[in-house]
C-alpha cells in the first residue's frame, strides 16, 4: 500500500490499519486493509485482512473506547514510531468508527 493510503493508529492496542486509495468502494465491512500489529515490538506483524475481521476480534470488541489517530506520514520505526496525526478521535462504538471513516471519505 503506497501513496494515497489512509492510516489509522489505534493507540491503546498499538495497531495501525491502512486503507488503500482504491478498490474498496461500497464494501464497508468487506474493506481490504493492511493490519500492522505494533504491540509486539520487534516482531511487528503485517497482514491483509478485512475490516470485519478486525471489528470481530475480542481484543477490539472488548476494549472500547478506542483512541484513533488518523495520519499520513510518520517518522521513525519500531519504538521510535511517531505519527504526525491530522485528527484524533475517541470512539465508543462501531457506529462512531463509521462516522469517523465517513468523515474522511473512506
Protein backbone atom coordinates (compact mmCIF):
# COMPACT_ATOMS: atom_id res chain seq x y z
CA UNK A 1 0.00 0.00 0.00
CA UNK A 2 1.57 3.18 -1.18
CA UNK A 3 0.73 6.86 -1.59
CA UNK A 4 -2.89 7.73 -1.04
CA UNK A 5 -3.20 5.19 1.75
CA UNK A 6 -5.16 6.42 4.75
CA UNK A 7 -3.62 5.24 8.01
CA UNK A 8 -5.23 4.93 11.42
CA UNK A 9 -3.33 4.26 14.63
CA UNK A 10 -5.41 2.54 17.33
CA UNK A 11 -3.38 3.86 20.23
CA UNK A 12 -4.39 1.57 23.10
CA UNK A 13 -3.78 -1.60 21.07
CA UNK A 14 -0.90 -0.10 19.06
CA UNK A 15 -2.41 -1.28 15.80
CA UNK A 16 -2.07 0.56 12.50
CA UNK A 17 -4.82 -0.04 9.94
CA UNK A 18 -4.08 1.14 6.39
CA UNK A 19 -6.90 1.69 3.88
CA UNK A 20 -5.80 1.68 0.23
CA UNK A 21 -6.79 4.57 -2.00
CA UNK A 22 -8.72 2.36 -4.44
CA UNK A 23 -10.59 -0.91 -4.56
CA UNK A 24 -12.92 -0.74 -1.58
CA UNK A 25 -15.82 1.37 -2.82
CA UNK A 26 -19.08 0.18 -1.26
CA UNK A 27 -17.53 -2.73 0.64
CA UNK A 28 -17.79 -1.37 4.23
CA UNK A 29 -17.22 -4.48 6.39
CA UNK A 30 -15.50 -6.16 3.45
CA UNK A 31 -12.88 -3.40 3.08
CA UNK A 32 -9.49 -4.93 2.42
CA UNK A 33 -6.96 -3.30 4.74
CA UNK A 34 -3.42 -3.85 5.96
CA UNK A 35 -3.23 -4.50 9.71
CA UNK A 36 0.09 -3.81 11.41
CA UNK A 37 0.25 -5.08 14.99
CA UNK A 38 2.90 -2.90 16.61
CA UNK A 39 2.19 -4.20 20.10
CA UNK A 40 4.70 -6.99 19.56
CA UNK A 41 7.71 -4.69 19.47
CA UNK A 42 10.50 -6.10 17.38
CA UNK A 43 8.17 -8.66 15.80
CA UNK A 44 5.80 -6.22 14.12
CA UNK A 45 3.32 -8.24 12.10
CA UNK A 46 1.62 -7.12 8.90
CA UNK A 47 -1.28 -8.92 7.29
CA UNK A 48 -4.05 -8.31 4.79
CA UNK A 49 -7.46 -8.63 6.46
CA UNK A 50 -10.97 -7.28 6.06
CA UNK A 51 -12.29 -4.55 8.31
CA UNK A 52 -14.87 -7.05 9.58
CA UNK A 53 -12.10 -9.36 10.81
CA UNK A 54 -10.66 -6.50 12.86
CA UNK A 55 -14.01 -5.44 14.30
CA UNK A 56 -14.83 -9.00 15.34
CA UNK A 57 -11.62 -9.67 17.27
CA UNK A 58 -12.23 -9.94 21.02
CA UNK A 59 -9.36 -7.52 21.60
CA UNK A 60 -11.22 -4.86 19.60
CA UNK A 61 -14.76 -5.66 20.73
CA UNK A 62 -13.95 -5.84 24.44
CA UNK A 63 -11.77 -2.77 24.86
CA UNK A 64 -13.92 0.25 23.99
CA UNK A 65 -13.39 3.16 23.94
CA UNK A 66 -10.60 3.32 21.37
CA UNK A 67 -8.45 6.35 20.67
CA UNK A 68 -7.71 6.53 16.95
CA UNK A 69 -5.23 8.85 15.29
CA UNK A 70 -5.52 9.50 11.55
CA UNK A 71 -2.20 10.29 9.88
CA UNK A 72 -0.48 10.34 6.51
CA UNK A 73 3.18 10.27 7.48
CA UNK A 74 5.22 9.06 10.42
CA UNK A 75 8.84 9.33 11.35
CA UNK A 76 10.85 6.56 12.90
CA UNK A 77 10.14 2.87 13.16
CA UNK A 78 9.68 0.41 15.99
CA UNK A 79 9.95 2.17 19.36
CA UNK A 80 10.72 5.45 17.56
CA UNK A 81 7.40 5.42 15.63
CA UNK A 82 5.92 8.93 15.84
CA UNK A 83 2.98 9.63 13.53
CA UNK A 84 2.02 13.20 12.74
CA UNK A 85 -1.70 12.97 13.48
CA UNK A 86 -4.08 15.04 11.37
CA UNK A 87 -7.00 14.12 13.62
CA UNK A 88 -7.54 12.11 16.79
CA UNK A 89 -10.90 10.77 17.94
CA UNK A 90 -12.14 8.62 20.78
CA UNK A 91 -14.73 6.11 19.62
CA UNK A 92 -17.11 4.23 21.88
CA UNK A 93 -18.90 2.07 19.31
CA UNK A 94 -18.70 0.70 15.78
CA UNK A 95 -21.12 3.46 14.78
CA UNK A 96 -18.59 6.07 15.97
CA UNK A 97 -15.94 4.37 13.84
CA UNK A 98 -18.20 4.51 10.76
CA UNK A 99 -18.79 8.23 11.36
CA UNK A 100 -15.04 8.84 11.60
CA UNK A 101 -14.29 6.84 8.44
CA UNK A 102 -17.12 8.51 6.51
CA UNK A 103 -15.91 11.97 7.58
CA UNK A 104 -12.57 11.10 5.93
CA UNK A 105 -14.19 9.72 2.77
CA UNK A 106 -13.20 6.11 3.34
